[in-house]
Amino acid sequence: MLRANWQECDRGLVQRGDITIWLTPEAVASWNPTCNGKRGGQRRYSDLAIETALTLRLVFHLPLRQAEGFLGSLFNMMGVDLGVPDHTTLSRRGRDLNVKLHRVSTGDPIHLIVDSTGLSIVGQGEWAAAKHGGNGKRGWKKLHPGVDEAGVIVAQLLTESNIDDATNGEKLIDAVVGPIARVIGDAAYDTVSMYESANGRGAAVVVPPARTAKVSKRGPRSAARDRTIARVKEVVRRRWKSESGYHQQGRVENAMFRYKSIIGDRLRARTEGAQAVEAALACNVLNRVLELGRPASVAIGR
């Protein structure tokens, strides 16, 4: 493979370290929400303000109190007369914030590539045990990202650690907006229901069958899966991976590596809702990183 955009990619890598921050006039105007006309106290900060503060917290690896002070110092240096959400407000509002993945749709069918990775957490029980003298056993959750062929995260789920990958693979398929050409995943997604979910969206499935998989003899439970099993036995697994394009699965592994390198390998939030919001915000950060510049590789002859 040959990288065809060295200079552009190099500039993008430099921009990832640029800490220049600005607010658009639209963001300033939307910082404080309009009155909703209902009785009771009104919110002082819009969802945009909360999302901005929590995103900065993730990027700079800050606790909530330091994130409050960091945002306040930025506004002072910028000369912007805007209020700063306090850490209590950030904690409370961060539990049910509606975060949408930012992705520019091309309208073309995508190759959806799925996988999962673990993120460590300190839940309420573990935190209390540590506070009162115990060791505080650490738990973990699963992040299920779905990326396209460019590595952009187009769908994501955060679940408990005991939820199987194939079940969430079906949910990732349902969460994708727009047409899907292929669904690519490892052997953990080799289930009939996964094939049915993909076929329901008109997508082909590129998943290596389990080594013990056999073609069904009582009629095809999934004709597409049976064809894959037969082809793997015919040409051996390595050749099937090459001819099917399975090696694109490495793109989602790269996305998970970027997550743990840039964001970290643990969730800072302690409640379930806040953890889901944190994971969604982190995926948006990674998509923004890719917008700044990514390598374009082309195959060359040997």
Protein backbone atom coordinates (compact mmCIF):
# COMPACT_ATOMS: atom_id res chain seq x y z
CA MET A 1 0.00 0.00 0.00
CA LEU A 2 1.17 3.51 -0.84
CA ARG A 3 0.02 6.64 1.00
CA ALA A 4 -1.04 9.12 -1.66
CA ASN A 5 -1.60 12.23 0.51
CA TRP A 6 1.45 12.56 2.73
CA GLN A 7 1.35 16.36 2.97
CA GLU A 8 -2.39 16.56 3.70
CA CYS A 9 -2.17 13.79 6.28
CA ASP A 10 0.83 15.46 7.91
CA ARG A 11 -1.08 18.75 8.24
CA GLY A 12 -4.00 16.89 9.75
CA LEU A 13 -1.79 15.27 12.37
CA VAL A 14 -0.38 18.69 13.30
CA GLN A 15 -3.90 20.16 13.58
CA ARG A 16 -4.86 17.47 16.08
CA GLY A 17 -2.58 19.21 18.56
CA ASP A 18 -3.97 22.70 17.87
CA ILE A 19 -5.79 23.96 20.98
CA THR A 20 -7.28 27.03 19.28
CA ILE A 21 -10.91 27.29 20.39
CA TRP A 22 -13.55 29.62 19.03
CA LEU A 23 -17.30 30.04 19.32
CA THR A 24 -19.41 30.78 16.29
CA PRO A 25 -22.07 33.52 16.56
CA GLU A 26 -24.69 30.77 16.33
CA ALA A 27 -23.15 28.95 19.29
CA VAL A 28 -23.05 32.14 21.38
CA ALA A 29 -26.69 32.84 20.55
CA SER A 30 -27.67 29.28 21.49
CA TRP A 31 -25.68 29.10 24.73
CA ASN A 32 -28.64 30.13 26.86
CA PRO A 33 -31.97 28.41 26.10
CA THR A 34 -35.15 30.33 25.43
CA CYS A 35 -37.94 30.21 27.98
CA ASN A 36 -40.08 27.10 27.46
CA GLY A 37 -43.21 28.74 28.88
CA LYS A 38 -43.69 26.12 31.56
CA ARG A 39 -44.03 26.70 35.28
CA GLY A 40 -41.02 26.31 37.53
CA GLY A 41 -37.37 27.16 37.20
CA GLN A 42 -35.93 27.49 33.72
CA ARG A 43 -32.71 25.95 32.54
CA ARG A 44 -29.79 28.36 32.47
CA TYR A 45 -27.78 26.47 29.85
CA SER A 46 -28.73 24.84 26.58
CA ASP A 47 -27.86 21.28 25.60
CA LEU A 48 -25.19 22.80 23.33
CA ALA A 49 -23.48 24.41 26.33
CA ILE A 50 -23.48 21.16 28.30
CA GLU A 51 -22.22 19.16 25.32
CA THR A 52 -19.42 21.66 24.73
CA ALA A 53 -18.25 21.54 28.34
CA LEU A 54 -18.37 17.74 28.53
CA THR A 55 -16.53 17.41 25.22
CA LEU A 56 -13.70 19.64 26.45
CA ARG A 57 -13.59 17.56 29.60
CA LEU A 58 -13.07 14.41 27.53
CA VAL A 59 -10.46 15.87 25.20
CA PHE A 60 -8.34 17.31 28.01
CA HIS A 61 -8.98 14.45 30.50
CA LEU A 62 -10.38 16.69 33.23
CA PRO A 63 -12.55 15.99 36.28
CA LEU A 64 -15.81 17.95 36.29
CA ARG A 65 -14.61 20.68 38.65
CA GLN A 66 -11.48 21.30 36.58
CA ALA A 67 -13.59 21.29 33.41
CA GLU A 68 -15.70 24.08 34.93
CA GLY A 69 -12.59 26.13 35.70
CA PHE A 70 -11.03 25.39 32.31
CA LEU A 71 -14.08 26.62 30.40
CA GLY A 72 -14.29 29.73 32.59
CA SER A 73 -10.65 30.60 31.90
CA LEU A 74 -11.21 30.17 28.15
CA PHE A 75 -14.12 32.58 28.21
CA ASN A 76 -12.07 35.11 30.16
CA MET A 77 -9.23 34.97 27.63
CA MET A 78 -11.68 35.19 24.73
CA GLY A 79 -13.57 38.09 26.30
CA VAL A 80 -16.86 36.24 25.94
CA ASP A 81 -19.63 37.16 28.36
CA LEU A 82 -21.18 33.72 28.81
CA GLY A 83 -22.01 31.77 31.93
CA VAL A 84 -20.15 28.55 32.74
CA PRO A 85 -22.11 25.47 33.88
CA ASP A 86 -20.94 24.39 37.32
CA HIS A 87 -19.75 20.82 37.91
CA THR A 88 -23.01 19.83 39.60
CA THR A 89 -25.01 20.97 36.58
CA LEU A 90 -22.66 19.12 34.24
CA SER A 91 -23.03 15.94 36.26
CA ARG A 92 -26.83 16.15 36.39
CA ARG A 93 -27.44 17.22 32.79
CA GLY A 94 -24.87 14.75 31.47
CA ARG A 95 -27.05 11.81 32.45
CA ASP A 96 -29.74 12.34 29.83
CA LEU A 97 -28.13 14.54 27.18
CA ASN A 98 -29.29 13.67 23.67
CA VAL A 99 -26.05 13.28 21.69
CA LYS A 100 -26.19 12.54 17.98
CA LEU A 101 -23.30 11.21 15.96
CA HIS A 102 -21.99 13.86 13.58
CA ARG A 103 -21.44 12.28 10.19
CA VAL A 104 -21.60 13.72 6.68
CA SER A 105 -23.76 11.39 4.62
CA THR A 106 -22.71 10.81 1.02
CA GLY A 107 -25.87 8.95 0.08
CA ASP A 108 -23.80 6.01 -1.20
CA PRO A 109 -24.14 2.54 0.37
CA ILE A 110 -21.53 2.09 3.10
CA HIS A 111 -19.54 -0.89 4.28
CA LEU A 112 -20.51 -1.22 7.94
CA ILE A 113 -17.66 -2.73 9.97
CA VAL A 114 -18.48 -3.77 13.54
CA ASP A 115 -16.60 -4.97 16.62
CA SER A 116 -16.48 -4.36 20.37
CA THR A 117 -13.98 -3.36 23.03
CA GLY A 118 -13.99 -3.14 26.81
CA LEU A 119 -13.88 0.07 28.84
CA SER A 120 -13.24 -0.12 32.57
CA ILE A 121 -15.59 1.58 35.02
CA VAL A 122 -15.87 2.15 38.73
CA GLY A 123 -19.52 1.65 39.53
CA GLN A 124 -21.38 2.84 42.60
CA GLY A 125 -20.76 -0.38 44.52
CA GLU A 126 -17.07 -0.51 43.68
CA TRP A 127 -16.63 3.18 44.48
CA ALA A 128 -18.32 2.81 47.86
CA ALA A 129 -16.19 -0.22 48.70
CA ALA A 130 -13.01 1.68 47.89
CA LYS A 131 -14.14 4.72 49.87
CA HIS A 132 -14.81 2.70 53.00
CA GLY A 133 -11.58 0.72 52.96
CA GLY A 134 -12.21 -2.07 50.48
CA ASN A 135 -10.20 -2.78 47.36
CA GLY A 136 -13.03 -1.73 45.08
CA LYS A 137 -13.37 -4.35 42.35
CA ARG A 138 -13.37 -2.72 38.94
CA GLY A 139 -16.05 -3.57 36.42
CA TRP A 140 -16.19 -2.87 32.70
CA LYS A 141 -18.59 -2.20 29.88
CA LYS A 142 -18.57 -2.92 26.18
CA LEU A 143 -18.37 -0.25 23.53
CA HIS A 144 -19.74 -1.46 20.18
CA PRO A 145 -18.64 0.89 17.37
CA GLY A 146 -19.73 0.56 13.76
CA VAL A 147 -17.52 2.35 11.24
CA ASP A 148 -17.66 2.86 7.50
CA GLU A 149 -14.87 2.12 5.04
CA ALA A 150 -13.25 5.48 5.85
CA GLY A 151 -13.11 4.68 9.58
CA VAL A 152 -15.87 7.18 10.52
CA ILE A 153 -18.05 5.96 13.38
CA VAL A 154 -21.61 5.80 12.01
CA ALA A 155 -23.23 3.92 14.91
CA GLN A 156 -22.30 3.02 18.47
CA LEU A 157 -23.71 1.30 21.52
CA LEU A 158 -22.54 1.02 25.12
CA THR A 159 -23.73 -2.11 26.92
CA GLU A 160 -23.05 -4.31 29.89
CA SER A 161 -20.11 -6.67 29.52
CA ASN A 162 -22.26 -9.81 29.37
CA ILE A 163 -24.17 -8.83 26.20
CA ASP A 164 -23.04 -10.81 23.17
CA ASP A 165 -21.62 -9.02 20.14
CA ALA A 166 -24.04 -10.44 17.57
CA THR A 167 -27.11 -9.07 19.36
CA ASN A 168 -25.63 -5.59 19.35
CA GLY A 169 -24.43 -6.02 15.77
CA GLU A 170 -28.07 -6.24 14.75
CA LYS A 171 -28.81 -3.02 16.66
CA LEU A 172 -25.91 -1.26 14.94
CA ILE A 173 -27.35 -2.25 11.56
CA ASP A 174 -30.72 -0.79 12.55
CA ALA A 175 -29.08 2.42 13.81
CA VAL A 176 -27.35 3.22 10.50
CA VAL A 177 -29.14 5.84 8.42
CA GLY A 178 -28.94 5.21 4.70
CA PRO A 179 -28.13 2.22 2.52
CA ILE A 180 -25.63 -0.47 3.54
CA ALA A 181 -23.68 -2.47 0.98
CA ARG A 182 -21.92 -4.92 3.30
CA VAL A 183 -21.64 -5.77 6.97
CA ILE A 184 -18.20 -6.95 8.08
CA GLY A 185 -17.38 -8.47 11.44
CA ASP A 186 -15.38 -11.21 13.11
CA ALA A 187 -16.57 -14.71 13.98
CA ALA A 188 -18.51 -13.44 17.01
CA TYR A 189 -21.15 -12.15 14.55
CA ASP A 190 -21.65 -15.53 12.86
CA THR A 191 -25.34 -15.98 13.68
CA VAL A 192 -28.40 -16.57 11.53
CA SER A 193 -30.15 -13.53 13.01
CA MET A 194 -27.18 -11.33 12.06
CA TYR A 195 -27.50 -12.48 8.47
CA GLU A 196 -31.23 -11.85 8.52
CA SER A 197 -30.79 -8.31 9.88
CA ALA A 198 -28.22 -7.48 7.21
CA ASN A 199 -30.25 -9.06 4.42
CA GLY A 200 -33.25 -7.04 5.58
CA ARG A 201 -31.25 -3.91 4.69
CA GLY A 202 -30.14 -5.39 1.37
CA ALA A 203 -26.58 -5.85 2.65
CA ALA A 204 -24.17 -8.71 2.10
CA VAL A 205 -22.47 -10.26 5.13
CA VAL A 206 -18.72 -10.81 5.38
CA VAL A 207 -18.24 -12.79 8.58
CA PRO A 208 -15.93 -15.79 8.93
CA PRO A 209 -17.97 -18.79 10.09
CA ALA A 210 -17.05 -20.64 13.23
CA ARG A 211 -14.58 -23.44 12.58
CA THR A 212 -17.21 -25.99 13.59
CA ALA A 213 -19.90 -24.48 11.33
CA LYS A 214 -21.58 -26.80 8.85
CA VAL A 215 -23.99 -26.28 5.99
CA SER A 216 -27.55 -26.91 7.20
CA LYS A 217 -29.03 -30.18 5.91
CA ARG A 218 -32.69 -29.55 6.71
CA GLY A 219 -33.10 -26.62 4.40
CA PRO A 220 -31.15 -23.39 4.51
CA ARG A 221 -31.50 -21.57 7.82
CA SER A 222 -29.60 -18.86 6.00
CA ALA A 223 -28.67 -19.45 2.39
CA ALA A 224 -26.06 -16.67 2.48
CA ARG A 225 -24.39 -18.17 5.56
CA ASP A 226 -24.39 -21.63 3.99
CA ARG A 227 -22.68 -20.23 0.89
CA THR A 228 -20.00 -18.65 3.07
CA ILE A 229 -19.39 -21.91 4.94
CA ALA A 230 -19.13 -23.84 1.68
CA ARG A 231 -16.75 -21.30 0.13
CA VAL A 232 -14.45 -21.28 3.18
CA LYS A 233 -14.19 -25.06 3.01
CA GLU A 234 -13.53 -24.90 -0.72
CA VAL A 235 -10.70 -22.33 -0.80
CA VAL A 236 -9.53 -22.34 2.88
CA ARG A 237 -10.09 -19.52 5.31
CA ARG A 238 -7.11 -17.32 4.42
CA ARG A 239 -8.01 -17.10 0.74
CA TRP A 240 -11.67 -16.46 1.56
CA LYS A 241 -10.67 -13.50 3.74
CA SER A 242 -8.64 -12.06 0.88
CA GLU A 243 -11.29 -12.46 -1.83
CA SER A 244 -14.21 -11.33 0.36
CA GLY A 245 -12.57 -8.11 1.60
CA TYR A 246 -12.71 -9.25 5.22
CA HIS A 247 -9.45 -7.45 5.98
CA GLN A 248 -11.40 -4.16 6.08
CA GLN A 249 -12.30 -5.32 9.57
CA GLY A 250 -9.03 -3.72 10.62
CA ARG A 251 -10.66 -0.29 10.20
CA VAL A 252 -12.88 -0.76 13.24
CA GLU A 253 -9.88 -2.06 15.21
CA ASN A 254 -8.08 1.17 14.29
CA ALA A 255 -11.08 3.16 15.54
CA MET A 256 -10.96 1.36 18.89
CA PHE A 257 -7.22 2.00 19.11
CA ARG A 258 -7.82 5.71 18.48
CA TYR A 259 -10.49 5.74 21.17
CA LYS A 260 -8.16 4.33 23.81
CA SER A 261 -5.20 6.43 22.67
CA ILE A 262 -7.04 9.76 22.58
CA ILE A 263 -9.89 9.35 25.06
CA GLY A 264 -8.61 6.58 27.31
CA ASP A 265 -9.47 3.02 28.24
CA ARG A 266 -12.02 3.82 30.94
CA LEU A 267 -15.28 5.66 31.46
CA ARG A 268 -15.12 8.57 33.88
CA ALA A 269 -18.87 8.82 34.50
CA ARG A 270 -20.41 6.59 37.17
CA THR A 271 -24.09 6.38 36.23
CA GLU A 272 -25.38 4.39 33.29
CA GLY A 273 -26.93 7.34 31.45
CA ALA A 274 -23.86 9.53 31.86
CA GLN A 275 -21.62 6.71 30.65
CA ALA A 276 -23.67 6.34 27.46
CA VAL A 277 -23.46 10.11 26.88
CA GLU A 278 -19.69 10.06 27.46
CA ALA A 279 -19.18 7.28 24.91
CA ALA A 280 -21.27 9.11 22.29
CA LEU A 281 -19.35 12.36 22.84
CA ALA A 282 -16.06 10.48 22.53
CA CYS A 283 -17.13 8.99 19.20
CA ASN A 284 -17.93 12.48 17.93
CA VAL A 285 -14.45 13.62 18.98
CA LEU A 286 -12.88 10.77 17.00
CA ASN A 287 -14.94 11.63 13.93
CA ARG A 288 -13.77 15.23 14.20
CA VAL A 289 -10.17 14.01 14.39
CA LEU A 290 -10.66 12.14 11.11
CA GLU A 291 -12.14 15.25 9.47
CA LEU A 292 -8.89 17.07 10.12
CA GLY A 293 -7.03 14.64 7.89
CA ARG A 294 -6.59 10.94 7.32
CA PRO A 295 -4.31 8.86 5.11
CA ALA A 296 -5.44 7.83 1.65
CA SER A 297 -3.74 4.56 0.72
CA VAL A 298 -3.69 2.97 -2.71
CA ALA A 299 -2.57 -0.51 -3.70
CA ILE A 300 0.62 -0.83 -5.72
CA GLY A 301 1.91 -3.75 -7.77
CA ARG A 302 4.62 -5.97 -6.40
